[in-house]
Amino acid sequence: NRSIASGRVSVKNGWIFCAILSVISLVISKFVGLLCVLGNNGFLSWNVLNLLVMASYALGMQKLFLVKNLLCGWLAVSPLVGASLLGGGKFMRSESSMKLLQLAAIGFPLQVAREILKDIEDVDVDRGQKQTLPLLIGKRKSKLIAYSIVAIINFAMISLPSYWQMFSSNPPVYALSVVVGVPMCIWASVLPLEKGQRLLKKSIYVLLAGMISGLLLQAK
């Protein structure tokens, strides 16, 4: 169902569309950057970095061993990092900025783990085309590594008092997200691969939503 893969959109038109969106994003980031304490250089540089990461991914970096997983992990949490650059300005306090970075530290490994699971699904397609963890060590060990990462992150979220204090709010949305999201992660590990990685994706959204909501409620 992908536009370019299905032939509905040509590769040339795809690149043109990406170029237009990139220019628009640069203009917006410069305007937003002028309103934050770092001036436009910090926020604009962050946006340029993301565009370079996306371009490198499309131009072949995704074929390198684990690089694709790391790039996708970064892109998944980059909005949080970008928002943290606004800290101390008109939009956000520096304390909230640090919390966003700590939130990104949770989201990054979870997304990397999900990308490993997606590589397991695509192992037949990737063979001879990309260098992925499942092709190197096998599907079973890769799945074990992915869910081990998830387990470590979930354990940290549950056991570390700093995270409970960091995202505490009234009502306790972070606690609710943990109560819902952690069992989703556990259940995902015992489901068939495709269903499991999709449920894991939803659990990541639940956990991040709880963290972000906690921060927003604190700001009131």
Protein backbone atom coordinates (compact mmCIF):
# COMPACT_ATOMS: atom_id res chain seq x y z
CA ASN A 1 0.00 0.00 0.00
CA ARG A 2 3.01 2.33 -0.01
CA SER A 3 2.72 5.07 -2.60
CA ILE A 4 6.11 4.71 -4.30
CA ALA A 5 6.39 0.93 -3.94
CA SER A 6 2.93 0.49 -5.49
CA GLY A 7 3.78 2.80 -8.39
CA ARG A 8 1.14 5.42 -7.60
CA VAL A 9 3.90 8.00 -7.05
CA SER A 10 7.16 8.06 -9.01
CA VAL A 11 10.53 8.24 -7.24
CA LYS A 12 11.18 11.62 -8.89
CA ASN A 13 7.92 13.10 -7.64
CA GLY A 14 8.63 11.61 -4.23
CA TRP A 15 11.94 13.47 -4.02
CA ILE A 16 10.28 16.70 -5.20
CA PHE A 17 7.63 16.37 -2.51
CA CYS A 18 10.32 15.75 0.13
CA ALA A 19 12.27 18.80 -1.06
CA ILE A 20 9.20 21.04 -0.78
CA LEU A 21 8.43 19.79 2.73
CA SER A 22 12.08 20.23 3.74
CA VAL A 23 12.12 23.87 2.66
CA ILE A 24 8.85 24.52 4.50
CA SER A 25 10.21 22.88 7.65
CA LEU A 26 13.37 25.01 7.50
CA VAL A 27 11.34 28.20 7.23
CA ILE A 28 9.11 27.20 10.13
CA SER A 29 12.05 26.14 12.31
CA LYS A 30 13.82 29.43 11.70
CA PHE A 31 10.72 31.37 12.75
CA VAL A 32 10.18 29.21 15.84
CA GLY A 33 13.88 29.37 16.69
CA LEU A 34 13.76 33.17 16.76
CA LEU A 35 11.28 32.93 19.61
CA CYS A 36 13.34 30.62 21.80
CA VAL A 37 16.15 31.51 24.14
CA LEU A 38 18.86 29.89 22.01
CA GLY A 39 18.08 32.02 19.01
CA ASN A 40 17.37 30.42 15.65
CA ASN A 41 20.71 28.62 15.37
CA GLY A 42 19.94 25.86 17.88
CA PHE A 43 16.48 24.99 16.63
CA LEU A 44 17.37 25.43 12.97
CA SER A 45 20.47 23.27 13.36
CA TRP A 46 18.36 20.55 14.96
CA ASN A 47 16.04 20.60 11.96
CA VAL A 48 18.91 20.50 9.47
CA LEU A 49 20.37 17.52 11.34
CA ASN A 50 17.08 15.65 11.10
CA LEU A 51 16.80 16.35 7.38
CA LEU A 52 20.33 15.02 6.87
CA VAL A 53 19.50 11.90 8.91
CA MET A 54 16.38 11.25 6.81
CA ALA A 55 18.28 11.84 3.57
CA SER A 56 21.10 9.49 4.61
CA TYR A 57 18.50 6.85 5.53
CA ALA A 58 16.85 7.11 2.11
CA LEU A 59 20.17 7.12 0.25
CA GLY A 60 21.41 3.83 1.68
CA MET A 61 22.34 4.12 5.37
CA GLN A 62 19.38 1.88 6.18
CA LYS A 63 21.27 -1.03 4.64
CA LEU A 64 24.09 -0.86 7.20
CA PHE A 65 24.11 -3.13 10.24
CA LEU A 66 22.01 -1.63 13.09
CA VAL A 67 22.32 1.87 11.58
CA LYS A 68 18.74 1.77 10.33
CA ASN A 69 17.51 0.81 13.80
CA LEU A 70 19.41 3.66 15.43
CA LEU A 71 18.29 6.22 12.83
CA CYS A 72 14.64 5.23 13.25
CA GLY A 73 15.04 5.40 17.03
CA TRP A 74 16.46 8.89 16.75
CA LEU A 75 13.77 10.13 14.37
CA ALA A 76 11.07 8.76 16.68
CA VAL A 77 12.25 10.87 19.62
CA SER A 78 13.67 13.85 17.72
CA PRO A 79 10.49 15.93 18.23
CA LEU A 80 11.09 15.64 21.98
CA VAL A 81 14.71 16.74 21.56
CA GLY A 82 13.59 19.62 19.33
CA ALA A 83 11.03 20.73 21.90
CA SER A 84 13.70 20.66 24.61
CA LEU A 85 15.66 23.28 22.64
CA LEU A 86 12.86 25.72 23.38
CA GLY A 87 13.60 25.44 27.10
CA GLY A 88 14.11 28.70 28.89
CA GLY A 89 12.33 30.68 26.18
CA LYS A 90 8.75 31.79 25.83
CA PHE A 91 7.43 28.28 25.30
CA MET A 92 8.95 26.08 27.96
CA ARG A 93 10.92 26.11 31.18
CA SER A 94 14.41 24.58 31.20
CA GLU A 95 13.24 22.09 33.85
CA SER A 96 10.62 20.78 31.43
CA SER A 97 13.28 20.59 28.73
CA MET A 98 15.36 18.21 30.84
CA LYS A 99 12.30 16.07 31.43
CA LEU A 100 11.69 15.89 27.68
CA LEU A 101 15.25 14.67 27.16
CA GLN A 102 14.76 12.00 29.81
CA LEU A 103 11.52 11.05 28.10
CA ALA A 104 13.45 10.71 24.83
CA ALA A 105 15.94 8.46 26.64
CA ILE A 106 13.02 6.09 27.29
CA GLY A 107 11.50 6.31 23.82
CA PHE A 108 14.74 5.77 21.87
CA PRO A 109 15.58 2.20 23.02
CA LEU A 110 11.91 1.18 22.80
CA GLN A 111 11.79 2.28 19.17
CA VAL A 112 15.11 0.55 18.43
CA ALA A 113 13.66 -2.65 19.89
CA ARG A 114 10.58 -2.34 17.70
CA GLU A 115 12.75 -1.83 14.61
CA ILE A 116 14.59 -5.07 15.41
CA LEU A 117 11.24 -6.86 15.50
CA LYS A 118 10.32 -5.33 12.15
CA ASP A 119 13.64 -6.59 10.76
CA ILE A 120 12.66 -10.09 11.83
CA GLU A 121 9.45 -9.74 9.82
CA ASP A 122 11.40 -8.55 6.76
CA VAL A 123 14.23 -11.06 6.98
CA ASP A 124 13.38 -12.76 3.65
CA VAL A 125 13.05 -9.43 1.84
CA ASP A 126 16.25 -8.02 3.38
CA ARG A 127 18.42 -11.05 2.62
CA GLY A 128 21.13 -9.94 0.18
CA GLN A 129 19.92 -6.32 0.38
CA LYS A 130 20.57 -5.18 3.95
CA GLN A 131 22.66 -6.13 6.97
CA THR A 132 20.28 -6.69 9.86
CA LEU A 133 20.53 -8.30 13.27
CA PRO A 134 18.16 -11.22 12.43
CA LEU A 135 20.24 -12.06 9.37
CA LEU A 136 23.37 -12.14 11.51
CA ILE A 137 22.24 -14.01 14.64
CA GLY A 138 18.83 -15.40 13.69
CA LYS A 139 15.20 -14.54 14.42
CA ARG A 140 14.94 -16.14 17.86
CA LYS A 141 17.97 -14.41 19.37
CA SER A 142 16.98 -11.09 17.78
CA LYS A 143 13.51 -11.30 19.30
CA LEU A 144 15.06 -12.09 22.68
CA ILE A 145 17.34 -9.04 22.43
CA ALA A 146 14.47 -6.77 21.39
CA TYR A 147 12.20 -7.77 24.23
CA SER A 148 15.10 -7.72 26.69
CA ILE A 149 15.56 -4.04 25.83
CA VAL A 150 11.84 -3.50 26.39
CA ALA A 151 11.99 -5.33 29.72
CA ILE A 152 14.94 -3.23 30.95
CA ILE A 153 13.18 0.03 30.07
CA ASN A 154 9.93 -1.07 31.69
CA PHE A 155 11.80 -2.13 34.83
CA ALA A 156 13.50 1.28 34.96
CA MET A 157 10.18 3.10 34.57
CA ILE A 158 8.58 1.07 37.37
CA SER A 159 11.48 0.88 39.83
CA LEU A 160 13.18 4.29 39.60
CA PRO A 161 11.56 6.87 41.94
CA SER A 162 12.96 9.69 39.79
CA TYR A 163 10.59 8.85 36.95
CA TRP A 164 7.56 8.71 39.24
CA GLN A 165 8.50 12.10 40.70
CA MET A 166 9.38 13.55 37.33
CA PHE A 167 6.01 12.86 35.71
CA SER A 168 3.76 13.03 38.79
CA SER A 169 0.53 14.95 38.28
CA ASN A 170 -3.07 15.18 39.38
CA PRO A 171 -4.74 13.11 38.01
CA PRO A 172 -1.85 10.55 37.93
CA VAL A 173 -1.76 9.96 34.16
CA TYR A 174 1.80 8.63 34.21
CA ALA A 175 0.84 5.93 36.70
CA LEU A 176 -2.15 5.06 34.55
CA SER A 177 0.02 4.81 31.44
CA VAL A 178 2.38 2.43 33.26
CA VAL A 179 -0.52 0.29 34.47
CA VAL A 180 -1.81 0.03 30.90
CA GLY A 181 1.40 0.19 28.86
CA VAL A 182 3.62 -2.28 30.71
CA PRO A 183 1.14 -5.20 30.47
CA MET A 184 0.77 -4.37 26.77
CA CYS A 185 4.55 -4.77 26.36
CA ILE A 186 4.50 -8.08 28.21
CA TRP A 187 1.57 -9.37 26.16
CA ALA A 188 3.29 -8.26 22.93
CA SER A 189 6.25 -10.53 23.74
CA VAL A 190 4.09 -13.67 23.64
CA LEU A 191 2.05 -12.78 20.55
CA PRO A 192 2.99 -13.78 16.99
CA LEU A 193 5.69 -11.48 15.64
CA GLU A 194 3.59 -9.18 13.46
CA LYS A 195 0.85 -8.69 16.06
CA GLY A 196 3.44 -8.36 18.80
CA GLN A 197 5.40 -5.53 17.22
CA ARG A 198 2.17 -3.66 16.44
CA LEU A 199 1.03 -3.97 20.03
CA LEU A 200 4.48 -2.89 21.19
CA LYS A 201 4.14 0.24 19.04
CA LYS A 202 0.81 1.02 20.72
CA SER A 203 2.30 0.44 24.16
CA ILE A 204 5.10 2.90 23.38
CA TYR A 205 2.50 5.50 22.45
CA VAL A 206 0.60 4.83 25.70
CA LEU A 207 3.73 5.25 27.83
CA LEU A 208 4.94 8.38 26.04
CA ALA A 209 1.45 9.88 26.14
CA GLY A 210 1.36 9.35 29.91
CA MET A 211 4.72 11.08 30.34
CA ILE A 212 3.85 14.03 28.09
CA SER A 213 0.42 14.43 29.70
CA GLY A 214 2.06 14.45 33.11
CA LEU A 215 4.35 17.28 32.02
CA LEU A 216 1.47 19.27 30.57
CA LEU A 217 -0.56 18.92 33.76
CA GLN A 218 2.44 20.08 35.80
CA ALA A 219 2.67 23.22 33.67
CA LYS A 220 -0.85 24.31 34.64
